Amino acid sequence: ARSGLTLDGHGFLAVNDYQQSLGHPEVFAAGDVCTRVDGTLPRSGVQATLAGPPLASNLLAALNDKPMSRHVPPPHTRHLVALGGQRAVVGWGRWYWEAEQVWRWKDRQDRAFVARFSG
């Protein structure tokens, strides 16, 4: 709140569709720390991951005085959410499914993700 950056009503950095701060164009953000002012995106790891490559591209463009590209997120993404006790739910748009197989899928995906950063 004391950063001087333009925030939304919940204290998240307000960014445009280039993922650029509204009040400080030299500041860029993606994921859980910001809110896109051009629409509502869920705060999720999926959205943050999808925003990474366009964010990197826009950072390089800004550093090199090149035109930036708008990040257009997909309208629906797959979400895997652990519920505890070896239960998980997968969702896509309005569709969702909870089953033991979903937990195994999420567990396998999470372990693979962590392994990428382990020695």
Protein backbone atom coordinates (compact mmCIF):
# COMPACT_ATOMS: atom_id res chain seq x y z
CA ALA A 1 0.00 0.00 0.00
CA ARG A 2 2.93 2.35 0.64
CA SER A 3 4.74 1.45 -2.60
CA GLY A 4 3.23 4.32 -4.57
CA LEU A 5 2.16 1.85 -7.27
CA THR A 6 -1.37 1.90 -8.65
CA LEU A 7 -3.34 -0.87 -6.92
CA ASP A 8 -6.79 -2.33 -7.31
CA GLY A 9 -9.36 -2.23 -4.50
CA HIS A 10 -7.85 -5.34 -2.89
CA GLY A 11 -4.24 -4.18 -2.85
CA PHE A 12 -3.00 -5.98 -5.96
CA LEU A 13 -0.88 -4.20 -8.56
CA ALA A 14 -3.14 -2.90 -11.36
CA VAL A 15 -1.75 -3.86 -14.79
CA ASN A 16 -2.86 -3.46 -18.38
CA ASP A 17 -2.99 -6.14 -21.08
CA TYR A 18 0.77 -5.77 -21.60
CA GLN A 19 1.11 -6.74 -17.89
CA GLN A 20 2.47 -3.28 -17.26
CA SER A 21 1.71 -1.18 -14.17
CA LEU A 22 -0.88 1.52 -14.86
CA GLY A 23 0.98 4.17 -12.91
CA HIS A 24 4.57 3.06 -13.53
CA PRO A 25 5.08 1.72 -17.09
CA GLU A 26 8.57 0.50 -16.18
CA VAL A 27 7.03 -2.02 -13.74
CA PHE A 28 5.62 -5.30 -15.05
CA ALA A 29 3.85 -8.10 -13.21
CA ALA A 30 2.01 -11.37 -13.74
CA GLY A 31 0.35 -13.96 -11.56
CA ASP A 32 -0.93 -13.58 -8.03
CA VAL A 33 0.56 -10.13 -7.35
CA CYS A 34 -1.49 -8.27 -9.92
CA THR A 35 -4.95 -7.66 -11.34
CA ARG A 36 -5.61 -7.19 -15.03
CA VAL A 37 -7.84 -4.12 -15.34
CA ASP A 38 -9.20 -5.22 -18.75
CA GLY A 39 -11.05 -8.22 -17.34
CA THR A 40 -11.34 -10.76 -14.58
CA LEU A 41 -8.78 -13.54 -14.41
CA PRO A 42 -8.69 -16.09 -11.62
CA ARG A 43 -5.59 -15.99 -9.44
CA SER A 44 -4.02 -19.31 -10.24
CA GLY A 45 -0.73 -20.93 -10.96
CA VAL A 46 -2.05 -21.84 -14.39
CA GLN A 47 -2.70 -18.21 -15.31
CA ALA A 48 0.65 -17.12 -13.84
CA THR A 49 2.49 -19.79 -15.84
CA LEU A 50 0.71 -18.87 -19.07
CA ALA A 51 1.56 -15.20 -18.52
CA GLY A 52 5.29 -15.89 -18.06
CA PRO A 53 6.43 -16.09 -21.71
CA PRO A 54 4.45 -13.00 -22.83
CA LEU A 55 5.74 -11.13 -19.78
CA ALA A 56 9.36 -12.02 -20.65
CA SER A 57 8.79 -10.97 -24.26
CA ASN A 58 7.34 -7.61 -23.19
CA LEU A 59 10.18 -6.99 -20.75
CA LEU A 60 12.71 -7.52 -23.56
CA ALA A 61 10.66 -5.35 -25.92
CA ALA A 62 10.48 -2.54 -23.36
CA LEU A 63 14.23 -2.73 -22.71
CA ASN A 64 14.95 -2.55 -26.44
CA ASP A 65 12.35 0.12 -27.30
CA LYS A 66 10.41 -2.37 -29.43
CA PRO A 67 6.62 -2.75 -29.65
CA MET A 68 5.09 -4.92 -26.96
CA SER A 69 2.39 -7.56 -27.44
CA ARG A 70 -0.89 -7.82 -25.59
CA HIS A 71 -1.24 -10.95 -23.48
CA VAL A 72 -4.57 -12.59 -24.33
CA PRO A 73 -5.25 -15.33 -21.77
CA PRO A 74 -7.36 -18.30 -22.81
CA PRO A 75 -11.02 -18.10 -21.76
CA HIS A 76 -10.80 -21.42 -19.89
CA THR A 77 -7.93 -23.28 -18.29
CA ARG A 78 -7.68 -26.59 -16.52
CA HIS A 79 -7.42 -26.36 -12.74
CA LEU A 80 -6.29 -29.17 -10.47
CA VAL A 81 -6.99 -28.50 -6.80
CA ALA A 82 -5.97 -30.79 -3.93
CA LEU A 83 -8.70 -31.13 -1.31
CA GLY A 84 -6.67 -33.06 1.27
CA GLY A 85 -6.84 -36.71 2.23
CA GLN A 86 -5.81 -37.88 -1.24
CA ARG A 87 -8.75 -36.10 -2.85
CA ALA A 88 -8.58 -33.58 -5.67
CA VAL A 89 -10.88 -31.94 -8.17
CA VAL A 90 -10.20 -30.97 -11.77
CA GLY A 91 -12.12 -28.14 -13.39
CA TRP A 92 -12.53 -26.72 -16.86
CA GLY A 93 -14.96 -23.83 -17.26
CA ARG A 94 -18.22 -24.98 -15.62
CA TRP A 95 -17.25 -28.64 -15.72
CA TYR A 96 -15.55 -30.35 -12.76
CA TRP A 97 -14.74 -33.88 -11.64
CA GLU A 98 -13.61 -35.24 -8.30
CA ALA A 99 -12.11 -38.73 -8.08
CA GLU A 100 -9.18 -40.64 -6.66
CA GLN A 101 -7.65 -40.70 -10.15
CA VAL A 102 -7.68 -36.90 -10.17
CA TRP A 103 -5.64 -36.84 -6.95
CA ARG A 104 -3.10 -39.27 -8.45
CA TRP A 105 -2.89 -37.07 -11.54
CA LYS A 106 -2.32 -33.93 -9.42
CA ASP A 107 0.18 -35.68 -7.18
CA ARG A 108 2.18 -36.91 -10.18
CA GLN A 109 2.11 -33.43 -11.74
CA ASP A 110 3.18 -31.71 -8.49
CA ARG A 111 6.04 -34.16 -7.92
CA ALA A 112 7.30 -33.65 -11.47
CA PHE A 113 7.17 -29.88 -11.00
CA VAL A 114 9.15 -30.01 -7.74
CA ALA A 115 11.67 -32.45 -9.24
CA ARG A 116 12.54 -29.87 -11.91
CA PHE A 117 13.94 -27.61 -9.16
CA SER A 118 15.58 -30.29 -7.02
CA GLY A 119 19.30 -31.10 -7.26
